[in-house]
């Protein structure tokens, strides 16, 4: 059974990931509502962004990124 599942996942990686994501989003919509789900997704996206910046360059990279976004013109 495991071999079949590994083979299916290997051939249909993104199909499996997107189906799981759609299932989770659907459950969240039903349980906590659209706007709360949207807020949760936005917070997760910000967390992923900050985590990626920390992996690449530490706190100076995070500070530089937000300084470049909020700089005065």
Protein backbone atom coordinates (compact mmCIF):
# COMPACT_ATOMS: atom_id res chain seq x y z
CA UNK A 1 0.00 0.00 0.00
CA UNK A 2 2.81 2.41 0.83
CA UNK A 3 4.52 1.83 -2.51
CA UNK A 4 1.34 2.71 -4.40
CA UNK A 5 0.91 5.88 -2.36
CA UNK A 6 4.53 6.92 -2.89
CA UNK A 7 4.22 6.28 -6.62
CA UNK A 8 0.98 8.28 -6.84
CA UNK A 9 2.49 11.18 -4.90
CA UNK A 10 5.62 11.10 -7.05
CA UNK A 11 3.57 11.31 -10.24
CA UNK A 12 0.97 13.79 -8.94
CA UNK A 13 2.82 15.88 -6.35
CA UNK A 14 1.10 19.23 -6.98
CA UNK A 15 -2.32 17.65 -7.47
CA UNK A 16 -2.03 16.05 -4.03
CA UNK A 17 -0.76 19.24 -2.37
CA UNK A 18 -3.43 21.47 -3.93
CA UNK A 19 -6.22 19.01 -3.13
CA UNK A 20 -5.10 18.90 0.51
CA UNK A 21 -4.88 22.71 0.62
CA UNK A 22 -8.37 23.03 -0.88
CA UNK A 23 -9.72 20.58 1.67
CA UNK A 24 -8.17 22.52 4.54
CA UNK A 25 -9.47 25.84 3.17
CA UNK A 26 -12.96 24.39 2.75
CA UNK A 27 -13.00 23.12 6.32
CA UNK A 28 -11.74 26.48 7.59
CA UNK A 29 -14.42 28.35 5.62
CA UNK A 30 -17.10 26.16 7.15
CA UNK A 31 -15.73 26.28 10.70
CA UNK A 32 -14.50 29.84 11.20
CA UNK A 33 -15.91 31.78 8.25
CA UNK A 34 -14.48 33.51 5.20
CA UNK A 35 -12.95 36.64 6.76
CA UNK A 36 -11.26 34.81 9.62
CA UNK A 37 -9.87 32.29 7.15
CA UNK A 38 -8.60 35.13 4.97
CA UNK A 39 -6.95 36.77 8.00
CA UNK A 40 -5.35 33.47 8.98
CA UNK A 41 -4.00 32.99 5.44
CA UNK A 42 -2.55 36.52 5.45
CA UNK A 43 -0.86 35.96 8.81
CA UNK A 44 0.60 32.66 7.62
CA UNK A 45 1.90 34.36 4.46
CA UNK A 46 3.60 37.08 6.53
CA UNK A 47 5.11 34.41 8.79
CA UNK A 48 6.45 32.48 5.79
CA UNK A 49 7.91 35.69 4.34
CA UNK A 50 9.66 36.61 7.59
CA UNK A 51 10.88 33.04 8.07
CA UNK A 52 12.31 32.98 4.55
CA UNK A 53 14.08 36.29 5.14
CA UNK A 54 15.50 35.00 8.43
CA UNK A 55 16.79 31.87 6.71
CA UNK A 56 18.50 33.91 4.01
CA UNK A 57 20.09 36.70 6.00
CA UNK A 58 18.94 36.92 9.62
CA UNK A 59 17.45 39.99 11.28
CA UNK A 60 19.37 42.49 9.12
CA UNK A 61 17.63 41.06 6.03
CA UNK A 62 14.22 41.44 7.71
CA UNK A 63 15.01 45.02 8.73
CA UNK A 64 16.27 45.88 5.25
CA UNK A 65 13.18 44.38 3.61
CA UNK A 66 10.72 46.33 5.76
CA UNK A 67 12.83 49.49 5.49
CA UNK A 68 12.68 49.24 1.70
CA UNK A 69 8.88 48.83 1.80
CA UNK A 70 8.20 51.67 4.24
CA UNK A 71 10.84 54.14 3.11
CA UNK A 72 9.93 57.79 2.77
CA UNK A 73 9.99 59.21 -0.72
